[in-house]
Amino acid sequence: MAGYAESGKISGKFHIKRLNQSNRTIWLVTMKFVTANEAKTKFGDLLIQAQRNPVQINKNGKAVAVVMSIDDYVSNESLKLQLLQMRLHQARVDMANSDLIDGENFFNSPELRQSARRKD
């Protein structure tokens, strides 16, 4: 389901996704998107819009880029670094406690296969 949002001079479209969790429906509005041609012809407006929320750029109906504020970018990079640091710390704790798993058993685990299916 797609719609149009008020976004100043850019006719930003947005996606609405329906998620079903624990007997309740959650509606999730994802980022606005514009065509590559619209991004090119209204670049100044795109930059203004991106200061408020990330904007996806589509070319031939496919997502090809996201324009976001530098603050959002720095925040995202910081979160990724924090996640990697937490995983490294947990791996060191697991190694110190000999809480290890054989690689073949890990990659053949039902949990990993189920997680991989969810991403598809």
PDB file of N, CA and C in Angstrom:
ATOM      1  N   MET A   1       0.850  -1.165   0.000  1.00  0.00           N
ATOM      2  CA  MET A   1       0.000   0.000   0.000  1.00  0.00           C
ATOM      3  C   MET A   1       0.901   1.234   0.000  1.00  0.00           C
ATOM      4  N   ALA A   2       0.721   2.135  -0.904  1.00  0.00           N
ATOM      5  CA  ALA A   2       1.554   3.338  -0.972  1.00  0.00           C
ATOM      6  C   ALA A   2       0.645   4.553  -0.970  1.00  0.00           C
ATOM      7  N   GLY A   3       1.184   5.661  -0.518  1.00  0.00           N
ATOM      8  CA  GLY A   3       0.392   6.880  -0.473  1.00  0.00           C
ATOM      9  C   GLY A   3       1.270   8.081  -0.689  1.00  0.00           C
ATOM     10  N   TYR A   4       0.681   9.244  -0.546  1.00  0.00           N
ATOM     11  CA  TYR A   4       1.420  10.482  -0.722  1.00  0.00           C
ATOM     12  C   TYR A   4       1.403  11.255   0.585  1.00  0.00           C
ATOM     13  N   ALA A   5       2.494  11.900   0.875  1.00  0.00           N
ATOM     14  CA  ALA A   5       2.606  12.664   2.116  1.00  0.00           C
ATOM     15  C   ALA A   5       2.897  14.112   1.796  1.00  0.00           C
ATOM     16  N   GLU A   6       2.516  14.973   2.704  1.00  0.00           N
ATOM     17  CA  GLU A   6       2.860  16.381   2.560  1.00  0.00           C
ATOM     18  C   GLU A   6       4.350  16.522   2.838  1.00  0.00           C
ATOM     19  N   SER A   7       5.088  17.017   1.885  1.00  0.00           N
ATOM     20  CA  SER A   7       6.530  17.146   2.090  1.00  0.00           C
ATOM     21  C   SER A   7       7.061  18.408   1.423  1.00  0.00           C
ATOM     22  N   GLY A   8       6.364  19.483   1.583  1.00  0.00           N
ATOM     23  CA  GLY A   8       6.831  20.711   0.965  1.00  0.00           C
ATOM     24  C   GLY A   8       6.683  20.623  -0.538  1.00  0.00           C
ATOM     25  N   LYS A   9       7.757  20.938  -1.251  1.00  0.00           N
ATOM     26  CA  LYS A   9       7.689  20.981  -2.716  1.00  0.00           C
ATOM     27  C   LYS A   9       7.925  19.616  -3.350  1.00  0.00           C
ATOM     28  N   ILE A  10       8.426  18.650  -2.575  1.00  0.00           N
ATOM     29  CA  ILE A  10       8.651  17.308  -3.114  1.00  0.00           C
ATOM     30  C   ILE A  10       7.409  16.484  -2.846  1.00  0.00           C
ATOM     31  N   SER A  11       6.897  15.840  -3.882  1.00  0.00           N
ATOM     32  CA  SER A  11       5.713  14.999  -3.684  1.00  0.00           C
ATOM     33  C   SER A  11       6.163  13.654  -3.136  1.00  0.00           C
ATOM     34  N   GLY A  12       6.631  13.656  -1.903  1.00  0.00           N
ATOM     35  CA  GLY A  12       7.182  12.458  -1.286  1.00  0.00           C
ATOM     36  C   GLY A  12       6.141  11.380  -1.096  1.00  0.00           C
ATOM     37  N   LYS A  13       6.425  10.199  -1.595  1.00  0.00           N
ATOM     38  CA  LYS A  13       5.558   9.058  -1.414  1.00  0.00           C
ATOM     39  C   LYS A  13       6.092   8.276  -0.224  1.00  0.00           C
ATOM     40  N   PHE A  14       5.238   7.484   0.384  1.00  0.00           N
ATOM     41  CA  PHE A  14       5.710   6.667   1.481  1.00  0.00           C
ATOM     42  C   PHE A  14       5.055   5.306   1.419  1.00  0.00           C
ATOM     43  N   HIS A  15       5.697   4.333   2.057  1.00  0.00           N
ATOM     44  CA  HIS A  15       5.176   2.974   2.122  1.00  0.00           C
ATOM     45  C   HIS A  15       4.529   2.769   3.481  1.00  0.00           C
ATOM     46  N   ILE A  16       3.469   2.006   3.499  1.00  0.00           N
ATOM     47  CA  ILE A  16       2.864   1.619   4.771  1.00  0.00           C
ATOM     48  C   ILE A  16       2.909   0.101   4.843  1.00  0.00           C
ATOM     49  N   LYS A  17       3.472  -0.419   5.917  1.00  0.00           N
ATOM     50  CA  LYS A  17       3.550  -1.861   6.104  1.00  0.00           C
ATOM     51  C   LYS A  17       2.667  -2.268   7.269  1.00  0.00           C
ATOM     52  N   ARG A  18       2.059  -3.418   7.136  1.00  0.00           N
ATOM     53  CA  ARG A  18       1.220  -3.954   8.201  1.00  0.00           C
ATOM     54  C   ARG A  18       1.968  -5.104   8.867  1.00  0.00           C
ATOM     55  N   LEU A  19       2.173  -5.004  10.170  1.00  0.00           N
ATOM     56  CA  LEU A  19       2.850  -6.042  10.932  1.00  0.00           C
ATOM     57  C   LEU A  19       1.859  -6.640  11.916  1.00  0.00           C
ATOM     58  N   ASN A  20       1.834  -7.951  11.993  1.00  0.00           N
ATOM     59  CA  ASN A  20       0.981  -8.633  12.963  1.00  0.00           C
ATOM     60  C   ASN A  20       1.867  -9.205  14.057  1.00  0.00           C
ATOM     61  N   GLN A  21       1.654  -8.745  15.286  1.00  0.00           N
ATOM     62  CA  GLN A  21       2.440  -9.224  16.415  1.00  0.00           C
ATOM     63  C   GLN A  21       1.530  -9.442  17.608  1.00  0.00           C
ATOM     64  N   SER A  22       1.590 -10.627  18.185  1.00  0.00           N
ATOM     65  CA  SER A  22       0.886 -10.939  19.428  1.00  0.00           C
ATOM     66  C   SER A  22      -0.568 -10.462  19.406  1.00  0.00           C
ATOM     67  N   ASN A  23      -1.322 -10.934  18.439  1.00  0.00           N
ATOM     68  CA  ASN A  23      -2.751 -10.618  18.346  1.00  0.00           C
ATOM     69  C   ASN A  23      -3.054  -9.135  18.185  1.00  0.00           C
ATOM     70  N   ARG A  24      -2.128  -8.373  17.660  1.00  0.00           N
ATOM     71  CA  ARG A  24      -2.400  -6.963  17.388  1.00  0.00           C
ATOM     72  C   ARG A  24      -1.734  -6.572  16.083  1.00  0.00           C
ATOM     73  N   THR A  25      -2.309  -5.618  15.419  1.00  0.00           N
ATOM     74  CA  THR A  25      -1.786  -5.135  14.153  1.00  0.00           C
ATOM     75  C   THR A  25      -1.074  -3.816  14.377  1.00  0.00           C
ATOM     76  N   ILE A  26       0.129  -3.716  13.831  1.00  0.00           N
ATOM     77  CA  ILE A  26       0.919  -2.491  13.936  1.00  0.00           C
ATOM     78  C   ILE A  26       1.139  -1.965  12.526  1.00  0.00           C
ATOM     79  N   TRP A  27       0.840  -0.697  12.310  1.00  0.00           N
ATOM     80  CA  TRP A  27       1.085  -0.063  11.014  1.00  0.00           C
ATOM     81  C   TRP A  27       2.387   0.698  11.106  1.00  0.00           C
ATOM     82  N   LEU A  28       3.287   0.432  10.198  1.00  0.00           N
ATOM     83  CA  LEU A  28       4.606   1.053  10.201  1.00  0.00           C
ATOM     84  C   LEU A  28       4.758   1.890   8.933  1.00  0.00           C
ATOM     85  N   VAL A  29       5.007   3.166   9.092  1.00  0.00           N
ATOM     86  CA  VAL A  29       5.234   4.040   7.946  1.00  0.00           C
ATOM     87  C   VAL A  29       6.739   4.144   7.748  1.00  0.00           C
ATOM     88  N   THR A  30       7.194   3.717   6.587  1.00  0.00           N
ATOM     89  CA  THR A  30       8.623   3.769   6.304  1.00  0.00           C
ATOM     90  C   THR A  30       8.965   5.086   5.623  1.00  0.00           C
ATOM     91  N   MET A  31      10.214   5.266   5.293  1.00  0.00           N
ATOM     92  CA  MET A  31      10.667   6.558   4.779  1.00  0.00           C
ATOM     93  C   MET A  31      10.000   6.952   3.467  1.00  0.00           C
ATOM     94  N   LYS A  32       9.989   8.223   3.237  1.00  0.00           N
ATOM     95  CA  LYS A  32       9.445   8.770   1.993  1.00  0.00           C
ATOM     96  C   LYS A  32      10.394   8.433   0.858  1.00  0.00           C
ATOM     97  N   PHE A  33       9.856   8.392  -0.344  1.00  0.00           N
ATOM     98  CA  PHE A  33      10.722   8.136  -1.488  1.00  0.00           C
ATOM     99  C   PHE A  33      10.361   9.041  -2.655  1.00  0.00           C
ATOM    100  N   VAL A  34      11.356   9.289  -3.478  1.00  0.00           N
ATOM    101  CA  VAL A  34      11.191  10.087  -4.689  1.00  0.00           C
ATOM    102  C   VAL A  34      11.888   9.360  -5.829  1.00  0.00           C
ATOM    103  N   THR A  35      11.515   9.694  -7.042  1.00  0.00           N
ATOM    104  CA  THR A  35      12.201   9.117  -8.193  1.00  0.00           C
ATOM    105  C   THR A  35      13.547   9.808  -8.374  1.00  0.00           C
ATOM    106  N   ALA A  36      14.436   9.148  -9.082  1.00  0.00           N
ATOM    107  CA  ALA A  36      15.749   9.744  -9.350  1.00  0.00           C
ATOM    108  C   ALA A  36      15.597  11.037 -10.138  1.00  0.00           C
ATOM    109  N   ASN A  37      14.678  11.075 -11.065  1.00  0.00           N
ATOM    110  CA  ASN A  37      14.455  12.286 -11.854  1.00  0.00           C
ATOM    111  C   ASN A  37      13.970  13.430 -10.960  1.00  0.00           C
ATOM    112  N   GLU A  38      13.043  13.129 -10.059  1.00  0.00           N
ATOM    113  CA  GLU A  38      12.538  14.157  -9.154  1.00  0.00           C
ATOM    114  C   GLU A  38      13.651  14.638  -8.216  1.00  0.00           C
ATOM    115  N   ALA A  39      14.491  13.708  -7.764  1.00  0.00           N
ATOM    116  CA  ALA A  39      15.618  14.093  -6.899  1.00  0.00           C
ATOM    117  C   ALA A  39      16.564  15.034  -7.638  1.00  0.00           C
ATOM    118  N   LYS A  40      16.767  14.759  -8.920  1.00  0.00           N
ATOM    119  CA  LYS A  40      17.669  15.590  -9.727  1.00  0.00           C
ATOM    120  C   LYS A  40      17.087  16.984  -9.957  1.00  0.00           C
ATOM    121  N   THR A  41      15.801  17.039 -10.298  1.00  0.00           N
ATOM    122  CA  THR A  41      15.215  18.336 -10.640  1.00  0.00           C
ATOM    123  C   THR A  41      14.864  19.169  -9.417  1.00  0.00           C
ATOM    124  N   LYS A  42      14.707  18.527  -8.258  1.00  0.00           N
ATOM    125  CA  LYS A  42      14.342  19.259  -7.033  1.00  0.00           C
ATOM    126  C   LYS A  42      15.351  18.966  -5.918  1.00  0.00           C
ATOM    127  N   PHE A  43      16.633  18.997  -6.284  1.00  0.00           N
ATOM    128  CA  PHE A  43      17.679  18.609  -5.337  1.00  0.00           C
ATOM    129  C   PHE A  43      17.692  19.471  -4.083  1.00  0.00           C
ATOM    130  N   GLY A  44      17.506  20.755  -4.213  1.00  0.00           N
ATOM    131  CA  GLY A  44      17.489  21.644  -3.041  1.00  0.00           C
ATOM    132  C   GLY A  44      16.370  21.274  -2.084  1.00  0.00           C
ATOM    133  N   ASP A  45      15.186  21.000  -2.634  1.00  0.00           N
ATOM    134  CA  ASP A  45      14.061  20.581  -1.790  1.00  0.00           C
ATOM    135  C   ASP A  45      14.346  19.234  -1.132  1.00  0.00           C
ATOM    136  N   LEU A  46      15.005  18.345  -1.872  1.00  0.00           N
ATOM    137  CA  LEU A  46      15.375  17.036  -1.330  1.00  0.00           C
ATOM    138  C   LEU A  46      16.300  17.197  -0.123  1.00  0.00           C
ATOM    139  N   LEU A  47      17.274  18.094  -0.229  1.00  0.00           N
ATOM    140  CA  LEU A  47      18.196  18.323   0.887  1.00  0.00           C
ATOM    141  C   LEU A  47      17.466  18.866   2.118  1.00  0.00           C
ATOM    142  N   ILE A  48      16.513  19.747   1.898  1.00  0.00           N
ATOM    143  CA  ILE A  48      15.728  20.285   3.020  1.00  0.00           C
ATOM    144  C   ILE A  48      14.907  19.169   3.665  1.00  0.00           C
ATOM    145  N   GLN A  49      14.247  18.358   2.837  1.00  0.00           N
ATOM    146  CA  GLN A  49      13.438  17.248   3.346  1.00  0.00           C
ATOM    147  C   GLN A  49      14.306  16.258   4.126  1.00  0.00           C
ATOM    148  N   ALA A  50      15.508  15.985   3.627  1.00  0.00           N
ATOM    149  CA  ALA A  50      16.400  15.016   4.266  1.00  0.00           C
ATOM    150  C   ALA A  50      16.871  15.481   5.638  1.00  0.00           C
ATOM    151  N   GLN A  51      16.813  16.783   5.904  1.00  0.00           N
ATOM    152  CA  GLN A  51      17.181  17.282   7.233  1.00  0.00           C
ATOM    153  C   GLN A  51      16.154  16.852   8.282  1.00  0.00           C
ATOM    154  N   ARG A  52      14.918  16.607   7.840  1.00  0.00           N
ATOM    155  CA  ARG A  52      13.851  16.187   8.756  1.00  0.00           C
ATOM    156  C   ARG A  52      13.775  14.674   8.879  1.00  0.00           C
ATOM    157  N   ASN A  53      13.838  13.985   7.729  1.00  0.00           N
ATOM    158  CA  ASN A  53      13.714  12.524   7.689  1.00  0.00           C
ATOM    159  C   ASN A  53      14.495  12.004   6.492  1.00  0.00           C
ATOM    160  N   PRO A  54      15.038  10.785   6.581  1.00  0.00           N
ATOM    161  CA  PRO A  54      15.710  10.200   5.421  1.00  0.00           C
ATOM    162  C   PRO A  54      14.738  10.073   4.244  1.00  0.00           C
ATOM    163  N   VAL A  55      15.269  10.224   3.035  1.00  0.00           N
ATOM    164  CA  VAL A  55      14.465  10.113   1.817  1.00  0.00           C
ATOM    165  C   VAL A  55      15.129   9.077   0.907  1.00  0.00           C
ATOM    166  N   GLN A  56      14.336   8.108   0.487  1.00  0.00           N
ATOM    167  CA  GLN A  56      14.810   7.063  -0.414  1.00  0.00           C
ATOM    168  C   GLN A  56      14.668   7.538  -1.853  1.00  0.00           C
ATOM    169  N   ILE A  57      15.682   7.250  -2.680  1.00  0.00           N
ATOM    170  CA  ILE A  57      15.628   7.595  -4.098  1.00  0.00           C
ATOM    171  C   ILE A  57      15.496   6.304  -4.898  1.00  0.00           C
ATOM    172  N   ASN A  58      14.476   6.257  -5.751  1.00  0.00           N
ATOM    173  CA  ASN A  58      14.218   5.083  -6.583  1.00  0.00           C
ATOM    174  C   ASN A  58      14.529   5.393  -8.035  1.00  0.00           C
ATOM    175  N   LYS A  59      15.097   4.400  -8.718  1.00  0.00           N
ATOM    176  CA  LYS A  59      15.342   4.512 -10.153  1.00  0.00           C
ATOM    177  C   LYS A  59      14.785   3.257 -10.804  1.00  0.00           C
ATOM    178  N   ASN A  60      13.946   3.454 -11.798  1.00  0.00           N
ATOM    179  CA  ASN A  60      13.277   2.344 -12.470  1.00  0.00           C
ATOM    180  C   ASN A  60      12.532   1.453 -11.480  1.00  0.00           C
ATOM    181  N   GLY A  61      11.927   2.080 -10.474  1.00  0.00           N
ATOM    182  CA  GLY A  61      11.120   1.349  -9.502  1.00  0.00           C
ATOM    183  C   GLY A  61      11.897   0.639  -8.410  1.00  0.00           C
ATOM    184  N   LYS A  62      13.214   0.784  -8.381  1.00  0.00           N
ATOM    185  CA  LYS A  62      14.032   0.107  -7.370  1.00  0.00           C
ATOM    186  C   LYS A  62      14.771   1.128  -6.520  1.00  0.00           C
ATOM    187  N   ALA A  63      14.886   0.838  -5.234  1.00  0.00           N
ATOM    188  CA  ALA A  63      15.626   1.713  -4.328  1.00  0.00           C
ATOM    189  C   ALA A  63      17.108   1.677  -4.686  1.00  0.00           C
ATOM    190  N   VAL A  64      17.708   2.866  -4.839  1.00  0.00           N
ATOM    191  CA  VAL A  64      19.126   2.938  -5.194  1.00  0.00           C
ATOM    192  C   VAL A  64      19.954   3.760  -4.208  1.00  0.00           C
ATOM    193  N   ALA A  65      19.302   4.610  -3.418  1.00  0.00           N
ATOM    194  CA  ALA A  65      20.055   5.463  -2.495  1.00  0.00           C
ATOM    195  C   ALA A  65      19.122   6.011  -1.420  1.00  0.00           C
ATOM    196  N   VAL A  66      19.742   6.494  -0.354  1.00  0.00           N
ATOM    197  CA  VAL A  66      19.027   7.190   0.710  1.00  0.00           C
ATOM    198  C   VAL A  66      19.787   8.474   1.009  1.00  0.00           C
ATOM    199  N   VAL A  67      19.071   9.570   1.093  1.00  0.00           N
ATOM    200  CA  VAL A  67      19.666  10.847   1.469  1.00  0.00           C
ATOM    201  C   VAL A  67      19.185  11.145   2.877  1.00  0.00           C
ATOM    202  N   MET A  68      20.137  11.436   3.766  1.00  0.00           N
ATOM    203  CA  MET A  68      19.791  11.731   5.158  1.00  0.00           C
ATOM    204  C   MET A  68      20.687  12.839   5.682  1.00  0.00           C
ATOM    205  N   SER A  69      20.264  13.406   6.783  1.00  0.00           N
ATOM    206  CA  SER A  69      21.068  14.475   7.385  1.00  0.00           C
ATOM    207  C   SER A  69      22.374  13.897   7.910  1.00  0.00           C
ATOM    208  N   ILE A  70      23.367  14.755   8.045  1.00  0.00           N
ATOM    209  CA  ILE A  70      24.654  14.309   8.577  1.00  0.00           C
ATOM    210  C   ILE A  70      24.489  13.840  10.021  1.00  0.00           C
ATOM    211  N   ASP A  71      23.579  14.466  10.772  1.00  0.00           N
ATOM    212  CA  ASP A  71      23.334  14.037  12.154  1.00  0.00           C
ATOM    213  C   ASP A  71      22.794  12.611  12.201  1.00  0.00           C
ATOM    214  N   ASP A  72      21.854  12.287  11.299  1.00  0.00           N
ATOM    215  CA  ASP A  72      21.321  10.915  11.240  1.00  0.00           C
ATOM    216  C   ASP A  72      22.417   9.933  10.848  1.00  0.00           C
ATOM    217  N   TYR A  73      23.244  10.318   9.889  1.00  0.00           N
ATOM    218  CA  TYR A  73      24.325   9.448   9.434  1.00  0.00           C
ATOM    219  C   TYR A  73      25.308   9.164  10.572  1.00  0.00           C
ATOM    220  N   VAL A  74      25.737  10.195  11.266  1.00  0.00           N
ATOM    221  CA  VAL A  74      26.681  10.029  12.375  1.00  0.00           C
ATOM    222  C   VAL A  74      26.052   9.167  13.468  1.00  0.00           C
ATOM    223  N   SER A  75      24.779   9.395  13.746  1.00  0.00           N
ATOM    224  CA  SER A  75      24.070   8.600  14.750  1.00  0.00           C
ATOM    225  C   SER A  75      24.025   7.126  14.352  1.00  0.00           C
ATOM    226  N   ASN A  76      23.702   6.851  13.078  1.00  0.00           N
ATOM    227  CA  ASN A  76      23.660   5.467  12.593  1.00  0.00           C
ATOM    228  C   ASN A  76      25.024   4.797  12.700  1.00  0.00           C
ATOM    229  N   GLU A  77      26.063   5.516  12.302  1.00  0.00           N
ATOM    230  CA  GLU A  77      27.412   4.954  12.380  1.00  0.00           C
ATOM    231  C   GLU A  77      27.813   4.690  13.827  1.00  0.00           C
ATOM    232  N   SER A  78      27.433   5.579  14.727  1.00  0.00           N
ATOM    233  CA  SER A  78      27.725   5.406  16.140  1.00  0.00           C
ATOM    234  C   SER A  78      27.013   4.171  16.700  1.00  0.00           C
ATOM    235  N   LEU A  79      25.753   3.990  16.312  1.00  0.00           N
ATOM    236  CA  LEU A  79      25.002   2.809  16.763  1.00  0.00           C
ATOM    237  C   LEU A  79      25.622   1.522  16.234  1.00  0.00           C
ATOM    238  N   LYS A  80      26.064   1.533  14.978  1.00  0.00           N
ATOM    239  CA  LYS A  80      26.711   0.337  14.423  1.00  0.00           C
ATOM    240  C   LYS A  80      27.998   0.021  15.185  1.00  0.00           C
ATOM    241  N   LEU A  81      28.769   1.046  15.506  1.00  0.00           N
ATOM    242  CA  LEU A  81      30.002   0.840  16.261  1.00  0.00           C
ATOM    243  C   LEU A  81      29.705   0.295  17.658  1.00  0.00           C
ATOM    244  N   GLN A  82      28.692   0.841  18.315  1.00  0.00           N
ATOM    245  CA  GLN A  82      28.312   0.348  19.641  1.00  0.00           C
ATOM    246  C   GLN A  82      27.897  -1.115  19.586  1.00  0.00           C
ATOM    247  N   LEU A  83      27.134  -1.492  18.560  1.00  0.00           N
ATOM    248  CA  LEU A  83      26.706  -2.877  18.409  1.00  0.00           C
ATOM    249  C   LEU A  83      27.910  -3.796  18.213  1.00  0.00           C
ATOM    250  N   LEU A  84      28.836  -3.399  17.365  1.00  0.00           N
ATOM    251  CA  LEU A  84      30.031  -4.206  17.156  1.00  0.00           C
ATOM    252  C   LEU A  84      30.855  -4.338  18.439  1.00  0.00           C
ATOM    253  N   GLN A  85      30.966  -3.243  19.196  1.00  0.00           N
ATOM    254  CA  GLN A  85      31.706  -3.287  20.455  1.00  0.00           C
ATOM    255  C   GLN A  85      31.027  -4.211  21.462  1.00  0.00           C
ATOM    256  N   MET A  86      29.691  -4.181  21.506  1.00  0.00           N
ATOM    257  CA  MET A  86      28.957  -5.073  22.417  1.00  0.00           C
ATOM    258  C   MET A  86      29.158  -6.528  22.013  1.00  0.00           C
ATOM    259  N   ARG A  87      29.110  -6.804  20.711  1.00  0.00           N
ATOM    260  CA  ARG A  87      29.306  -8.180  20.246  1.00  0.00           C
ATOM    261  C   ARG A  87      30.723  -8.666  20.524  1.00  0.00           C
ATOM    262  N   LEU A  88      31.703  -7.799  20.345  1.00  0.00           N
ATOM    263  CA  LEU A  88      33.081  -8.161  20.648  1.00  0.00           C
ATOM    264  C   LEU A  88      33.248  -8.453  22.136  1.00  0.00           C
ATOM    265  N   HIS A  89      32.685  -7.596  22.965  1.00  0.00           N
ATOM    266  CA  HIS A  89      32.749  -7.808  24.410  1.00  0.00           C
ATOM    267  C   HIS A  89      32.099  -9.144  24.788  1.00  0.00           C
ATOM    268  N   GLN A  90      30.906  -9.432  24.240  1.00  0.00           N
ATOM    269  CA  GLN A  90      30.217 -10.678  24.559  1.00  0.00           C
ATOM    270  C   GLN A  90      31.012 -11.886  24.074  1.00  0.00           C
ATOM    271  N   ALA A  91      31.650 -11.763  22.904  1.00  0.00           N
ATOM    272  CA  ALA A  91      32.475 -12.863  22.397  1.00  0.00           C
ATOM    273  C   ALA A  91      33.651 -13.127  23.322  1.00  0.00           C
ATOM    274  N   ARG A  92      34.260 -12.063  23.836  1.00  0.00           N
ATOM    275  CA  ARG A  92      35.384 -12.231  24.771  1.00  0.00           C
ATOM    276  C   ARG A  92      34.917 -12.883  26.072  1.00  0.00           C
ATOM    277  N   VAL A  93      33.745 -12.468  26.559  1.00  0.00           N
ATOM    278  CA  VAL A  93      33.184 -13.079  27.778  1.00  0.00           C
ATOM    279  C   VAL A  93      32.904 -14.554  27.534  1.00  0.00           C
ATOM    280  N   ASP A  94      32.286 -14.869  26.396  1.00  0.00           N
ATOM    281  CA  ASP A  94      31.988 -16.263  26.066  1.00  0.00           C
ATOM    282  C   ASP A  94      33.258 -17.093  25.961  1.00  0.00           C
ATOM    283  N   MET A  95      34.310 -16.533  25.351  1.00  0.00           N
ATOM    284  CA  MET A  95      35.570 -17.257  25.239  1.00  0.00           C
ATOM    285  C   MET A  95      36.198 -17.476  26.607  1.00  0.00           C
ATOM    286  N   ALA A  96      36.156 -16.472  27.458  1.00  0.00           N
ATOM    287  CA  ALA A  96      36.725 -16.596  28.802  1.00  0.00           C
ATOM    288  C   ALA A  96      35.988 -17.654  29.619  1.00  0.00           C
ATOM    289  N   ASN A  97      34.698 -17.799  29.380  1.00  0.00           N
ATOM    290  CA  ASN A  97      33.887 -18.783  30.114  1.00  0.00           C
ATOM    291  C   ASN A  97      33.807 -20.127  29.391  1.00  0.00           C
ATOM    292  N   SER A  98      34.584 -20.265  28.323  1.00  0.00           N
ATOM    293  CA  SER A  98      34.555 -21.474  27.490  1.00  0.00           C
ATOM    294  C   SER A  98      33.148 -21.790  26.997  1.00  0.00           C
ATOM    295  N   ASP A  99      32.361 -20.750  26.791  1.00  0.00           N
ATOM    296  CA  ASP A  99      31.001 -20.902  26.270  1.00  0.00           C
ATOM    297  C   ASP A  99      31.074 -20.785  24.752  1.00  0.00           C
ATOM    298  N   LEU A 100      31.558 -21.866  24.143  1.00  0.00           N
ATOM    299  CA  LEU A 100      31.817 -21.860  22.708  1.00  0.00           C
ATOM    300  C   LEU A 100      30.942 -22.900  22.026  1.00  0.00           C
ATOM    301  N   ILE A 101      30.774 -22.737  20.742  1.00  0.00           N
ATOM    302  CA  ILE A 101      30.001 -23.686  19.950  1.00  0.00           C
ATOM    303  C   ILE A 101      30.770 -23.990  18.680  1.00  0.00           C
ATOM    304  N   ASP A 102      30.706 -25.223  18.253  1.00  0.00           N
ATOM    305  CA  ASP A 102      31.352 -25.635  17.021  1.00  0.00           C
ATOM    306  C   ASP A 102      30.718 -24.890  15.849  1.00  0.00           C
ATOM    307  N   GLY A 103      31.533 -24.404  14.939  1.00  0.00           N
ATOM    308  CA  GLY A 103      31.031 -23.612  13.813  1.00  0.00           C
ATOM    309  C   GLY A 103      30.009 -24.354  12.968  1.00  0.00           C
ATOM    310  N   GLU A 104      30.246 -25.644  12.699  1.00  0.00           N
ATOM    311  CA  GLU A 104      29.303 -26.414  11.883  1.00  0.00           C
ATOM    312  C   GLU A 104      27.959 -26.548  12.598  1.00  0.00           C
ATOM    313  N   ASN A 105      27.991 -26.783  13.899  1.00  0.00           N
ATOM    314  CA  ASN A 105      26.741 -26.866  14.663  1.00  0.00           C
ATOM    315  C   ASN A 105      26.005 -25.526  14.651  1.00  0.00           C
ATOM    316  N   PHE A 106      26.757 -24.437  14.752  1.00  0.00           N
ATOM    317  CA  PHE A 106      26.144 -23.109  14.739  1.00  0.00           C
ATOM    318  C   PHE A 106      25.433 -22.850  13.424  1.00  0.00           C
ATOM    319  N   PHE A 107      26.137 -23.090  12.309  1.00  0.00           N
ATOM    320  CA  PHE A 107      25.565 -22.770  11.005  1.00  0.00           C
ATOM    321  C   PHE A 107      24.447 -23.728  10.602  1.00  0.00           C
ATOM    322  N   ASN A 108      24.376 -24.882  11.250  1.00  0.00           N
ATOM    323  CA  ASN A 108      23.295 -25.820  10.970  1.00  0.00           C
ATOM    324  C   ASN A 108      22.186 -25.751  12.013  1.00  0.00           C
ATOM    325  N   SER A 109      22.261 -24.784  12.930  1.00  0.00           N
ATOM    326  CA  SER A 109      21.264 -24.694  13.997  1.00  0.00           C
ATOM    327  C   SER A 109      19.908 -24.273  13.443  1.00  0.00           C
ATOM    328  N   PRO A 110      18.814 -24.811  14.004  1.00  0.00           N
ATOM    329  CA  PRO A 110      17.467 -24.427  13.553  1.00  0.00           C
ATOM    330  C   PRO A 110      17.204 -22.933  13.725  1.00  0.00           C
ATOM    331  N   GLU A 111      17.746 -22.327  14.800  1.00  0.00           N
ATOM    332  CA  GLU A 111      17.524 -20.904  15.042  1.00  0.00           C
ATOM    333  C   GLU A 111      18.103 -20.061  13.916  1.00  0.00           C
ATOM    334  N   LEU A 112      19.294 -20.415  13.456  1.00  0.00           N
ATOM    335  CA  LEU A 112      19.942 -19.658  12.386  1.00  0.00           C
ATOM    336  C   LEU A 112      19.181 -19.835  11.073  1.00  0.00           C
ATOM    337  N   ARG A 113      18.743 -21.062  10.795  1.00  0.00           N
ATOM    338  CA  ARG A 113      17.973 -21.290   9.570  1.00  0.00           C
ATOM    339  C   ARG A 113      16.669 -20.510   9.594  1.00  0.00           C
ATOM    340  N   GLN A 114      16.009 -20.483  10.753  1.00  0.00           N
ATOM    341  CA  GLN A 114      14.751 -19.737  10.872  1.00  0.00           C
ATOM    342  C   GLN A 114      15.001 -18.248  10.690  1.00  0.00           C
ATOM    343  N   SER A 115      16.081 -17.748  11.278  1.00  0.00           N
ATOM    344  CA  SER A 115      16.421 -16.330  11.138  1.00  0.00           C
ATOM    345  C   SER A 115      16.713 -15.996   9.675  1.00  0.00           C
ATOM    346  N   ALA A 116      17.395 -16.862   8.964  1.00  0.00           N
ATOM    347  CA  ALA A 116      17.717 -16.633   7.554  1.00  0.00           C
ATOM    348  C   ALA A 116      16.440 -16.610   6.716  1.00  0.00           C
ATOM    349  N   ARG A 117      15.472 -17.463   7.036  1.00  0.00           N
ATOM    350  CA  ARG A 117      14.208 -17.484   6.302  1.00  0.00           C
ATOM    351  C   ARG A 117      13.442 -16.205   6.494  1.00  0.00           C
ATOM    352  N   ARG A 118      13.484 -15.613   7.699  1.00  0.00           N
ATOM    353  CA  ARG A 118      12.765 -14.370   7.974  1.00  0.00           C
ATOM    354  C   ARG A 118      13.306 -13.227   7.143  1.00  0.00           C
ATOM    355  N   LYS A 119      14.595 -13.238   6.831  1.00  0.00           N
ATOM    356  CA  LYS A 119      15.220 -12.158   6.061  1.00  0.00           C
ATOM    357  C   LYS A 119      14.840 -12.213   4.588  1.00  0.00           C
ATOM    358  N   ASP A 120      14.426 -13.385   4.101  1.00  0.00           N
ATOM    359  CA  ASP A 120      14.078 -13.526   2.676  1.00  0.00           C
ATOM    360  C   ASP A 120      12.795 -12.892   2.326  1.00  0.00           C
TER     361      ASP A 120
END
